[in-house]
Every structure is written in structure tokens, then in C-alpha cells.
Amino acid sequence: MVNIKSKNVNEQQVLQQSQEHLKAVAQRAYSGQKKQFIDDEQIVRFLPMVHKIVHRVVKYLRPPLSFDDLVSAGTIGLIKAARDYDPSHQAEFKTYAYIRIRGAVLDELRGSSLLPANLNKQIQDAFRTSREVAEQTGSVPTDEELAEKLGITVEGIYELFENARAQQFLSLDGFGENNATAGDFLEAADTTTPDKQLEKAELVEKLTEAIEQLDRKRRQVILLYYQQHLTMKEIAEVLKITESRISQLHASALFNLFVTLRRWNHNG
């Protein structure tokens, strides 16, 4: 004979346990919280990465932003990376943190670095003219040739390159199109999936070819800056020219690389 009282007690216990389990699941779902795999001590160890990234983009800094503003943005990016990091995705935290910090810093820069419409038009004209010359001759025009075609001085073209570099670095993937900038190609983070690895290999191959087409001095600046991670000042000491001239050569090289890569991409 079944003990009805005992049966009812067991059923009530099961029901109570189920309700408690459902409540716990609901609380986790609505709280949006998850286990954090990176603790505060590890976060502190990665703070130097924030300063390193900010130092590399500080040349794009414009009022009212300050160096400390960028460090603050990068630190927030690091904290968010620690909160969102999931080791099951098979990516090292260092790589993930770098991407999130750099993204946070660039977002902060984008918010206050919009160029005037007339200056943006000049940059677009320079890119279009360079591409047209490259299509006709097979090579990007020299700085002097481009300045003559645009009707401005050589110093004016360097100033335009400097502004183009800032916009190229800060805009959404290459002036509104879904293409990474030359600087992004050179500083691309490691990828894990086979298709991304293949895509990166193809980009690196194209970029290598484009760099080889630069004249010797611009090629040196690009390699010293992106591969050896020297500062503009250090490169100036190595090449025995002024730091301002290094900045001009760097901007000019990135402009030429960008035109070349875009032209190749457009031609398939």
C-alpha cells in the first residue's frame, strides 16, 4: 500500500527544488553576470599596455582631449575586456585585451577628431587623383607630382598627408568603406580561425609587395616604425633627419600604401 502522505511530501520537495533551480537560472539570466576569468591583479599587470597603445596614437590627439583622457578610455576598455573575456574562444587574453583597449582609445579619438568638410574634400580629391595617376602609369605619383596636379605646394601636400593619416587612422575602415587601413594591416592582431588566417596571409602578402614599391627612405620609416616599434624621434636619430621630416615621410608612405592597396582591391 502506497504511503500517500510520504508521496505528497516527496512531490512537494521536488517541486520546491525545481522552483529554486528555475529562480536561480532566472536570476543569472536577468543579472547579465557571468564568471570573470581575469582578476583585479591580472588587470593591473596589463595597465602598461594601455599606456603603450596611447603613446602610439598620441600624435592624433587634438583638443579638447588630453593624454589622460585616452589613458582613461583605454583603462575602461581593459576592464571591459577582463569582464567579457571567455577562454573557451581559444584566444589569449593579451590579444583580446589589446583589441578592446585599442578600440576604446580610437572610439575616444573619433568622438572629437572630425575634420572640416572642405579639408575632407581635399583629402578625397588627393586620393582620387592619386588613383587616377596610378591607373594610367602603374605607380602612385610622387609627392611633388601630386602637389602639382592639385595646384598646391609640396609643404601643402605634406600637411594634407598628415590630415589624411589622422582620418585614415580614425575613420571607419578606410573612408566609409569596409577596408582596413594600411596602419591596421601593419599592426593586425593574431587571428585563430583558418579563414581569418588565410585572409591575413593574403593581406600581408599584398602589403609586403606595396611596401617594396615605396622608395628607400619611406620603406625604412615604415619598417622601423611598425616592425621595430621605434618612435618618430628614434627613427629621426637613426636616419639622421628631423623628427618633423620623419612624420612627413610616415604620412606620405601610409597615403601611398593606402592608394596602392585600394587600387589592387578595386581591380580584384
C-alpha atoms as a PDB file:
ATOM      1  CA  MET A   1       0.000   0.000   0.000  1.00  0.00           C
ATOM      2  CA  VAL A   2       1.389   3.390  -1.051  1.00  0.00           C
ATOM      3  CA  ASN A   3       2.023   5.892   1.699  1.00  0.00           C
ATOM      4  CA  ILE A   4       0.099   8.867   0.279  1.00  0.00           C
ATOM      5  CA  LYS A   5       1.433  11.298   2.888  1.00  0.00           C
ATOM      6  CA  SER A   6       5.044  10.359   2.104  1.00  0.00           C
ATOM      7  CA  LYS A   7       4.386  10.626  -1.616  1.00  0.00           C
ATOM      8  CA  ASN A   8       2.937  14.124  -1.238  1.00  0.00           C
ATOM      9  CA  VAL A   9       5.963  15.219   0.796  1.00  0.00           C
ATOM     10  CA  ASN A  10       8.365  13.943  -1.875  1.00  0.00           C
ATOM     11  CA  GLU A  11       6.445  15.680  -4.610  1.00  0.00           C
ATOM     12  CA  GLN A  12       6.468  18.938  -2.671  1.00  0.00           C
ATOM     13  CA  GLN A  13      10.245  18.668  -2.156  1.00  0.00           C
ATOM     14  CA  VAL A  14      10.827  18.025  -5.873  1.00  0.00           C
ATOM     15  CA  LEU A  15       8.564  20.950  -6.780  1.00  0.00           C
ATOM     16  CA  GLN A  16      10.355  23.229  -4.318  1.00  0.00           C
ATOM     17  CA  GLN A  17      13.763  22.209  -5.648  1.00  0.00           C
ATOM     18  CA  SER A  18      12.610  22.790  -9.223  1.00  0.00           C
ATOM     19  CA  GLN A  19      11.272  26.221  -8.330  1.00  0.00           C
ATOM     20  CA  GLU A  20      14.519  27.154  -6.592  1.00  0.00           C
ATOM     21  CA  HIS A  21      16.513  25.954  -9.597  1.00  0.00           C
ATOM     22  CA  LEU A  22      14.345  27.943 -12.021  1.00  0.00           C
ATOM     23  CA  LYS A  23      14.647  31.009  -9.792  1.00  0.00           C
ATOM     24  CA  ALA A  24      18.440  30.698  -9.754  1.00  0.00           C
ATOM     25  CA  VAL A  25      18.558  30.340 -13.555  1.00  0.00           C
ATOM     26  CA  ALA A  26      16.295  33.355 -13.979  1.00  0.00           C
ATOM     27  CA  GLN A  27      18.408  35.457 -11.636  1.00  0.00           C
ATOM     28  CA  ARG A  28      21.569  34.610 -13.584  1.00  0.00           C
ATOM     29  CA  ALA A  29      19.872  35.361 -16.887  1.00  0.00           C
ATOM     30  CA  TYR A  30      18.485  38.721 -15.835  1.00  0.00           C
ATOM     31  CA  SER A  31      21.541  39.869 -13.943  1.00  0.00           C
ATOM     32  CA  GLY A  32      23.689  39.506 -17.079  1.00  0.00           C
ATOM     33  CA  GLN A  33      26.591  38.472 -14.910  1.00  0.00           C
ATOM     34  CA  LYS A  34      28.987  35.650 -15.598  1.00  0.00           C
ATOM     35  CA  LYS A  35      32.131  34.276 -14.103  1.00  0.00           C
ATOM     36  CA  GLN A  36      35.078  36.616 -14.539  1.00  0.00           C
ATOM     37  CA  PHE A  37      38.215  34.724 -15.553  1.00  0.00           C
ATOM     38  CA  ILE A  38      40.579  37.706 -15.174  1.00  0.00           C
ATOM     39  CA  ASP A  39      41.022  39.004 -11.634  1.00  0.00           C
ATOM     40  CA  ASP A  40      41.961  42.510 -10.490  1.00  0.00           C
ATOM     41  CA  GLU A  41      45.619  41.624 -10.021  1.00  0.00           C
ATOM     42  CA  GLN A  42      45.887  40.456 -13.628  1.00  0.00           C
ATOM     43  CA  ILE A  43      44.153  43.633 -14.815  1.00  0.00           C
ATOM     44  CA  VAL A  44      46.797  45.746 -13.057  1.00  0.00           C
ATOM     45  CA  ARG A  45      49.568  43.806 -14.806  1.00  0.00           C
ATOM     46  CA  PHE A  46      48.111  44.801 -18.186  1.00  0.00           C
ATOM     47  CA  LEU A  47      47.879  48.542 -17.420  1.00  0.00           C
ATOM     48  CA  PRO A  48      51.269  49.225 -19.123  1.00  0.00           C
ATOM     49  CA  MET A  49      49.661  48.002 -22.355  1.00  0.00           C
ATOM     50  CA  VAL A  50      47.171  50.860 -22.089  1.00  0.00           C
ATOM     51  CA  HIS A  51      49.977  53.423 -21.878  1.00  0.00           C
ATOM     52  CA  LYS A  52      51.858  51.780 -24.752  1.00  0.00           C
ATOM     53  CA  ILE A  53      48.820  51.936 -27.039  1.00  0.00           C
ATOM     54  CA  VAL A  54      48.070  55.550 -26.091  1.00  0.00           C
ATOM     55  CA  HIS A  55      51.695  56.566 -26.753  1.00  0.00           C
ATOM     56  CA  ARG A  56      51.427  55.122 -30.263  1.00  0.00           C
ATOM     57  CA  VAL A  57      48.310  57.121 -31.141  1.00  0.00           C
ATOM     58  CA  VAL A  58      49.082  60.313 -29.234  1.00  0.00           C
ATOM     59  CA  LYS A  59      50.167  62.074 -32.435  1.00  0.00           C
ATOM     60  CA  TYR A  60      46.486  62.028 -33.456  1.00  0.00           C
ATOM     61  CA  LEU A  61      45.439  63.760 -30.245  1.00  0.00           C
ATOM     62  CA  ARG A  62      43.587  67.027 -30.625  1.00  0.00           C
ATOM     63  CA  PRO A  63      41.943  69.403 -28.141  1.00  0.00           C
ATOM     64  CA  PRO A  64      39.873  69.123 -26.024  1.00  0.00           C
ATOM     65  CA  LEU A  65      41.124  65.564 -25.402  1.00  0.00           C
ATOM     66  CA  SER A  66      44.228  65.044 -23.288  1.00  0.00           C
ATOM     67  CA  PHE A  67      46.667  62.173 -22.874  1.00  0.00           C
ATOM     68  CA  ASP A  68      44.973  61.274 -19.593  1.00  0.00           C
ATOM     69  CA  ASP A  69      41.585  61.121 -21.345  1.00  0.00           C
ATOM     70  CA  LEU A  70      42.936  58.462 -23.691  1.00  0.00           C
ATOM     71  CA  VAL A  71      44.505  56.523 -20.819  1.00  0.00           C
ATOM     72  CA  SER A  72      41.166  56.581 -19.008  1.00  0.00           C
ATOM     73  CA  ALA A  73      39.354  55.318 -22.113  1.00  0.00           C
ATOM     74  CA  GLY A  74      41.935  52.578 -22.611  1.00  0.00           C
ATOM     75  CA  THR A  75      41.694  51.518 -18.967  1.00  0.00           C
ATOM     76  CA  ILE A  76      37.931  51.205 -19.266  1.00  0.00           C
ATOM     77  CA  GLY A  77      38.492  49.093 -22.377  1.00  0.00           C
ATOM     78  CA  LEU A  78      40.838  46.844 -20.384  1.00  0.00           C
ATOM     79  CA  ILE A  79      38.315  46.422 -17.551  1.00  0.00           C
ATOM     80  CA  LYS A  80      35.565  45.571 -20.025  1.00  0.00           C
ATOM     81  CA  ALA A  81      37.884  43.082 -21.722  1.00  0.00           C
ATOM     82  CA  ALA A  82      38.503  41.383 -18.360  1.00  0.00           C
ATOM     83  CA  ARG A  83      34.763  41.281 -17.701  1.00  0.00           C
ATOM     84  CA  ASP A  84      33.839  39.868 -21.122  1.00  0.00           C
ATOM     85  CA  TYR A  85      36.795  37.549 -21.728  1.00  0.00           C
ATOM     86  CA  ASP A  86      35.906  33.906 -22.365  1.00  0.00           C
ATOM     87  CA  PRO A  87      38.877  31.492 -22.608  1.00  0.00           C
ATOM     88  CA  SER A  88      36.713  28.929 -24.391  1.00  0.00           C
ATOM     89  CA  HIS A  89      37.053  31.078 -27.539  1.00  0.00           C
ATOM     90  CA  GLN A  90      40.715  29.978 -27.724  1.00  0.00           C
ATOM     91  CA  ALA A  91      42.145  33.488 -27.833  1.00  0.00           C
ATOM     92  CA  GLU A  92      44.812  34.696 -25.425  1.00  0.00           C
ATOM     93  CA  PHE A  93      43.640  37.431 -23.064  1.00  0.00           C
ATOM     94  CA  LYS A  94      46.588  39.599 -24.123  1.00  0.00           C
ATOM     95  CA  THR A  95      45.366  39.595 -27.742  1.00  0.00           C
ATOM     96  CA  TYR A  96      41.749  40.170 -26.728  1.00  0.00           C
ATOM     97  CA  ALA A  97      42.697  42.968 -24.324  1.00  0.00           C
ATOM     98  CA  TYR A  98      44.845  44.686 -26.978  1.00  0.00           C
ATOM     99  CA  ILE A  99      41.906  44.782 -29.387  1.00  0.00           C
ATOM    100  CA  ARG A 100      39.474  46.106 -26.766  1.00  0.00           C
ATOM    101  CA  ILE A 101      41.901  48.729 -25.403  1.00  0.00           C
ATOM    102  CA  ARG A 102      42.843  49.981 -28.847  1.00  0.00           C
ATOM    103  CA  GLY A 103      39.183  50.087 -29.870  1.00  0.00           C
ATOM    104  CA  ALA A 104      38.256  52.107 -26.775  1.00  0.00           C
ATOM    105  CA  VAL A 105      41.073  54.594 -27.397  1.00  0.00           C
ATOM    106  CA  LEU A 106      40.141  55.016 -31.066  1.00  0.00           C
ATOM    107  CA  ASP A 107      36.475  55.493 -30.186  1.00  0.00           C
ATOM    108  CA  GLU A 108      37.513  58.285 -27.824  1.00  0.00           C
ATOM    109  CA  LEU A 109      39.591  59.893 -30.582  1.00  0.00           C
ATOM    110  CA  ARG A 110      36.847  59.559 -33.185  1.00  0.00           C
ATOM    111  CA  GLY A 111      34.454  61.446 -30.960  1.00  0.00           C
ATOM    112  CA  SER A 112      36.477  64.650 -31.125  1.00  0.00           C
ATOM    113  CA  SER A 113      38.540  64.453 -34.316  1.00  0.00           C
ATOM    114  CA  LEU A 114      36.118  65.189 -37.139  1.00  0.00           C
ATOM    115  CA  LEU A 115      37.751  67.123 -39.982  1.00  0.00           C
ATOM    116  CA  PRO A 116      36.126  70.193 -41.602  1.00  0.00           C
ATOM    117  CA  ALA A 117      34.130  69.417 -44.756  1.00  0.00           C
ATOM    118  CA  ASN A 118      36.450  71.406 -47.045  1.00  0.00           C
ATOM    119  CA  LEU A 119      39.539  69.612 -45.718  1.00  0.00           C
ATOM    120  CA  ASN A 120      37.825  66.253 -46.097  1.00  0.00           C
ATOM    121  CA  LYS A 121      37.057  67.132 -49.725  1.00  0.00           C
ATOM    122  CA  GLN A 122      40.727  67.986 -50.359  1.00  0.00           C
ATOM    123  CA  ILE A 123      41.760  64.595 -48.984  1.00  0.00           C
ATOM    124  CA  GLN A 124      39.210  62.811 -51.153  1.00  0.00           C
ATOM    125  CA  ASP A 125      40.454  64.747 -54.194  1.00  0.00           C
ATOM    126  CA  ALA A 126      44.031  63.728 -53.390  1.00  0.00           C
ATOM    127  CA  PHE A 127      43.092  60.062 -53.154  1.00  0.00           C
ATOM    128  CA  ARG A 128      41.085  60.174 -56.355  1.00  0.00           C
ATOM    129  CA  THR A 129      43.867  61.954 -58.266  1.00  0.00           C
ATOM    130  CA  SER A 130      46.482  59.512 -56.983  1.00  0.00           C
ATOM    131  CA  ARG A 131      44.382  56.535 -58.024  1.00  0.00           C
ATOM    132  CA  GLU A 132      43.809  58.006 -61.488  1.00  0.00           C
ATOM    133  CA  VAL A 133      47.535  58.569 -61.985  1.00  0.00           C
ATOM    134  CA  ALA A 134      48.287  55.070 -60.676  1.00  0.00           C
ATOM    135  CA  GLU A 135      45.770  53.577 -63.101  1.00  0.00           C
ATOM    136  CA  GLN A 136      47.352  55.435 -66.014  1.00  0.00           C
ATOM    137  CA  THR A 137      51.030  54.962 -65.159  1.00  0.00           C
ATOM    138  CA  GLY A 138      51.059  51.854 -62.953  1.00  0.00           C
ATOM    139  CA  SER A 139      52.547  53.684 -59.962  1.00  0.00           C
ATOM    140  CA  VAL A 140      51.422  56.201 -57.358  1.00  0.00           C
ATOM    141  CA  PRO A 141      52.552  59.782 -58.161  1.00  0.00           C
ATOM    142  CA  THR A 142      55.415  61.315 -56.222  1.00  0.00           C
ATOM    143  CA  ASP A 143      54.620  63.939 -53.619  1.00  0.00           C
ATOM    144  CA  GLU A 144      55.818  66.651 -55.991  1.00  0.00           C
ATOM    145  CA  GLU A 145      53.722  65.327 -58.896  1.00  0.00           C
ATOM    146  CA  LEU A 146      50.595  65.110 -56.754  1.00  0.00           C
ATOM    147  CA  ALA A 147      51.132  68.614 -55.387  1.00  0.00           C
ATOM    148  CA  GLU A 148      51.427  69.980 -58.933  1.00  0.00           C
ATOM    149  CA  LYS A 149      48.254  68.214 -60.086  1.00  0.00           C
ATOM    150  CA  LEU A 150      46.315  69.512 -57.079  1.00  0.00           C
ATOM    151  CA  GLY A 151      47.711  73.027 -57.515  1.00  0.00           C
ATOM    152  CA  ILE A 152      49.250  73.255 -54.045  1.00  0.00           C
ATOM    153  CA  THR A 153      52.773  73.462 -52.653  1.00  0.00           C
ATOM    154  CA  VAL A 154      54.790  70.441 -51.593  1.00  0.00           C
ATOM    155  CA  GLU A 155      54.520  71.642 -47.984  1.00  0.00           C
ATOM    156  CA  GLY A 156      50.773  71.827 -48.527  1.00  0.00           C
ATOM    157  CA  ILE A 157      50.680  68.218 -49.743  1.00  0.00           C
ATOM    158  CA  TYR A 158      52.549  67.078 -46.632  1.00  0.00           C
ATOM    159  CA  GLU A 159      50.030  68.881 -44.436  1.00  0.00           C
ATOM    160  CA  LEU A 160      47.290  67.139 -46.391  1.00  0.00           C
ATOM    161  CA  PHE A 161      49.021  63.777 -45.856  1.00  0.00           C
ATOM    162  CA  GLU A 162      49.172  64.461 -42.116  1.00  0.00           C
ATOM    163  CA  ASN A 163      45.424  65.124 -42.017  1.00  0.00           C
ATOM    164  CA  ALA A 164      44.749  62.144 -44.247  1.00  0.00           C
ATOM    165  CA  ARG A 165      46.776  59.960 -41.891  1.00  0.00           C
ATOM    166  CA  ALA A 166      44.681  61.089 -38.947  1.00  0.00           C
ATOM    167  CA  GLN A 167      41.439  60.485 -40.809  1.00  0.00           C
ATOM    168  CA  GLN A 168      42.683  57.184 -42.224  1.00  0.00           C
ATOM    169  CA  PHE A 169      43.581  56.010 -38.736  1.00  0.00           C
ATOM    170  CA  LEU A 170      40.358  57.196 -37.124  1.00  0.00           C
ATOM    171  CA  SER A 171      37.664  56.684 -39.742  1.00  0.00           C
ATOM    172  CA  LEU A 172      35.510  53.609 -40.091  1.00  0.00           C
ATOM    173  CA  ASP A 173      37.664  51.230 -42.130  1.00  0.00           C
ATOM    174  CA  GLY A 174      39.016  53.355 -44.904  1.00  0.00           C
ATOM    175  CA  PHE A 175      36.856  56.402 -45.626  1.00  0.00           C
ATOM    176  CA  GLY A 176      33.471  54.764 -45.189  1.00  0.00           C
ATOM    177  CA  GLU A 177      34.249  51.505 -46.976  1.00  0.00           C
ATOM    178  CA  ASN A 178      34.781  48.125 -45.350  1.00  0.00           C
ATOM    179  CA  ASN A 179      38.536  48.040 -45.884  1.00  0.00           C
ATOM    180  CA  ALA A 180      41.124  48.175 -43.112  1.00  0.00           C
ATOM    181  CA  THR A 181      43.636  50.990 -43.202  1.00  0.00           C
ATOM    182  CA  ALA A 182      47.287  50.464 -44.038  1.00  0.00           C
ATOM    183  CA  GLY A 183      48.205  51.017 -40.417  1.00  0.00           C
ATOM    184  CA  ASP A 184      45.730  48.328 -39.342  1.00  0.00           C
ATOM    185  CA  PHE A 185      47.295  45.864 -41.786  1.00  0.00           C
ATOM    186  CA  LEU A 186      50.706  46.531 -40.312  1.00  0.00           C
ATOM    187  CA  GLU A 187      49.524  46.197 -36.705  1.00  0.00           C
ATOM    188  CA  ALA A 188      46.963  43.416 -37.239  1.00  0.00           C
ATOM    189  CA  ALA A 189      46.363  41.249 -34.179  1.00  0.00           C
ATOM    190  CA  ASP A 190      46.778  37.478 -34.383  1.00  0.00           C
ATOM    191  CA  THR A 191      43.793  35.510 -35.667  1.00  0.00           C
ATOM    192  CA  THR A 192      42.775  31.968 -34.858  1.00  0.00           C
ATOM    193  CA  THR A 193      40.282  30.670 -37.397  1.00  0.00           C
ATOM    194  CA  PRO A 194      41.619  29.188 -40.689  1.00  0.00           C
ATOM    195  CA  ASP A 195      39.660  31.605 -42.895  1.00  0.00           C
ATOM    196  CA  LYS A 196      40.916  34.608 -40.917  1.00  0.00           C
ATOM    197  CA  GLN A 197      44.466  33.277 -41.048  1.00  0.00           C
ATOM    198  CA  LEU A 198      44.207  32.919 -44.827  1.00  0.00           C
ATOM    199  CA  GLU A 199      42.729  36.402 -45.159  1.00  0.00           C
ATOM    200  CA  LYS A 200      45.511  37.863 -43.031  1.00  0.00           C
ATOM    201  CA  ALA A 201      48.160  35.981 -45.044  1.00  0.00           C
ATOM    202  CA  GLU A 202      46.784  37.458 -48.276  1.00  0.00           C
ATOM    203  CA  LEU A 203      46.716  40.957 -46.784  1.00  0.00           C
ATOM    204  CA  VAL A 204      50.263  40.616 -45.507  1.00  0.00           C
ATOM    205  CA  GLU A 205      51.425  39.450 -48.933  1.00  0.00           C
ATOM    206  CA  LYS A 206      49.780  42.429 -50.636  1.00  0.00           C
ATOM    207  CA  LEU A 207      51.087  44.829 -48.047  1.00  0.00           C
ATOM    208  CA  THR A 208      54.614  43.459 -48.350  1.00  0.00           C
ATOM    209  CA  GLU A 209      54.510  43.995 -52.096  1.00  0.00           C
ATOM    210  CA  ALA A 210      53.174  47.529 -51.616  1.00  0.00           C
ATOM    211  CA  ILE A 211      55.925  48.367 -49.113  1.00  0.00           C
ATOM    212  CA  GLU A 212      58.564  47.111 -51.552  1.00  0.00           C
ATOM    213  CA  GLN A 213      57.300  49.652 -54.082  1.00  0.00           C
ATOM    214  CA  LEU A 214      57.982  52.552 -51.714  1.00  0.00           C
ATOM    215  CA  ASP A 215      61.237  54.472 -52.134  1.00  0.00           C
ATOM    216  CA  ARG A 216      64.060  53.512 -49.775  1.00  0.00           C
ATOM    217  CA  LYS A 217      63.559  56.214 -47.143  1.00  0.00           C
ATOM    218  CA  ARG A 218      59.789  55.759 -46.807  1.00  0.00           C
ATOM    219  CA  ARG A 219      60.250  51.999 -46.675  1.00  0.00           C
ATOM    220  CA  GLN A 220      62.776  52.416 -43.866  1.00  0.00           C
ATOM    221  CA  VAL A 221      60.384  54.628 -41.888  1.00  0.00           C
ATOM    222  CA  ILE A 222      57.530  52.132 -42.216  1.00  0.00           C
ATOM    223  CA  LEU A 223      59.641  49.144 -41.195  1.00  0.00           C
ATOM    224  CA  LEU A 224      61.329  50.922 -38.295  1.00  0.00           C
ATOM    225  CA  TYR A 225      58.032  52.258 -37.002  1.00  0.00           C
ATOM    226  CA  TYR A 226      55.823  49.185 -37.350  1.00  0.00           C
ATOM    227  CA  GLN A 227      58.272  46.297 -37.160  1.00  0.00           C
ATOM    228  CA  GLN A 228      60.931  47.677 -34.837  1.00  0.00           C
ATOM    229  CA  HIS A 229      58.409  49.817 -32.913  1.00  0.00           C
ATOM    230  CA  LEU A 230      60.706  52.834 -32.811  1.00  0.00           C
ATOM    231  CA  THR A 231      59.251  56.250 -32.081  1.00  0.00           C
ATOM    232  CA  MET A 232      59.389  59.086 -34.629  1.00  0.00           C
ATOM    233  CA  LYS A 233      62.174  60.655 -32.571  1.00  0.00           C
ATOM    234  CA  GLU A 234      64.212  57.431 -32.516  1.00  0.00           C
ATOM    235  CA  ILE A 235      63.783  56.952 -36.275  1.00  0.00           C
ATOM    236  CA  ALA A 236      64.963  60.530 -36.815  1.00  0.00           C
ATOM    237  CA  GLU A 237      68.124  59.725 -34.888  1.00  0.00           C
ATOM    238  CA  VAL A 238      68.703  56.543 -36.908  1.00  0.00           C
ATOM    239  CA  LEU A 239      68.176  58.219 -40.296  1.00  0.00           C
ATOM    240  CA  LYS A 240      69.831  61.481 -39.180  1.00  0.00           C
ATOM    241  CA  ILE A 241      66.974  63.743 -40.288  1.00  0.00           C
ATOM    242  CA  THR A 242      64.485  65.832 -38.309  1.00  0.00           C
ATOM    243  CA  GLU A 243      61.553  64.312 -36.459  1.00  0.00           C
ATOM    244  CA  SER A 244      59.122  66.520 -38.401  1.00  0.00           C
ATOM    245  CA  ARG A 245      60.553  65.129 -41.654  1.00  0.00           C
ATOM    246  CA  ILE A 246      60.066  61.579 -40.361  1.00  0.00           C
ATOM    247  CA  SER A 247      56.439  62.422 -39.619  1.00  0.00           C
ATOM    248  CA  GLN A 248      56.025  63.716 -43.196  1.00  0.00           C
ATOM    249  CA  LEU A 249      57.593  60.588 -44.685  1.00  0.00           C
ATOM    250  CA  HIS A 250      55.439  58.363 -42.481  1.00  0.00           C
ATOM    251  CA  ALA A 251      52.248  60.152 -43.547  1.00  0.00           C
ATOM    252  CA  SER A 252      53.314  60.101 -47.200  1.00  0.00           C
ATOM    253  CA  ALA A 253      54.140  56.375 -47.037  1.00  0.00           C
ATOM    254  CA  LEU A 254      50.794  55.493 -45.463  1.00  0.00           C
ATOM    255  CA  PHE A 255      48.989  57.583 -48.081  1.00  0.00           C
ATOM    256  CA  ASN A 256      50.794  55.752 -50.897  1.00  0.00           C
ATOM    257  CA  LEU A 257      50.241  52.343 -49.325  1.00  0.00           C
ATOM    258  CA  PHE A 258      46.572  53.058 -48.889  1.00  0.00           C
ATOM    259  CA  VAL A 259      46.156  54.168 -52.510  1.00  0.00           C
ATOM    260  CA  THR A 260      48.036  51.088 -53.774  1.00  0.00           C
ATOM    261  CA  LEU A 261      46.066  48.625 -51.643  1.00  0.00           C
ATOM    262  CA  ARG A 262      42.752  50.202 -52.525  1.00  0.00           C
ATOM    263  CA  ARG A 263      43.633  50.150 -56.228  1.00  0.00           C
ATOM    264  CA  TRP A 264      44.580  46.468 -56.089  1.00  0.00           C
ATOM    265  CA  ASN A 265      41.424  45.663 -54.165  1.00  0.00           C
ATOM    266  CA  HIS A 266      39.281  47.581 -56.672  1.00  0.00           C
ATOM    267  CA  ASN A 267      40.904  45.735 -59.580  1.00  0.00           C
ATOM    268  CA  GLY A 268      40.388  42.352 -57.875  1.00  0.00           C
END
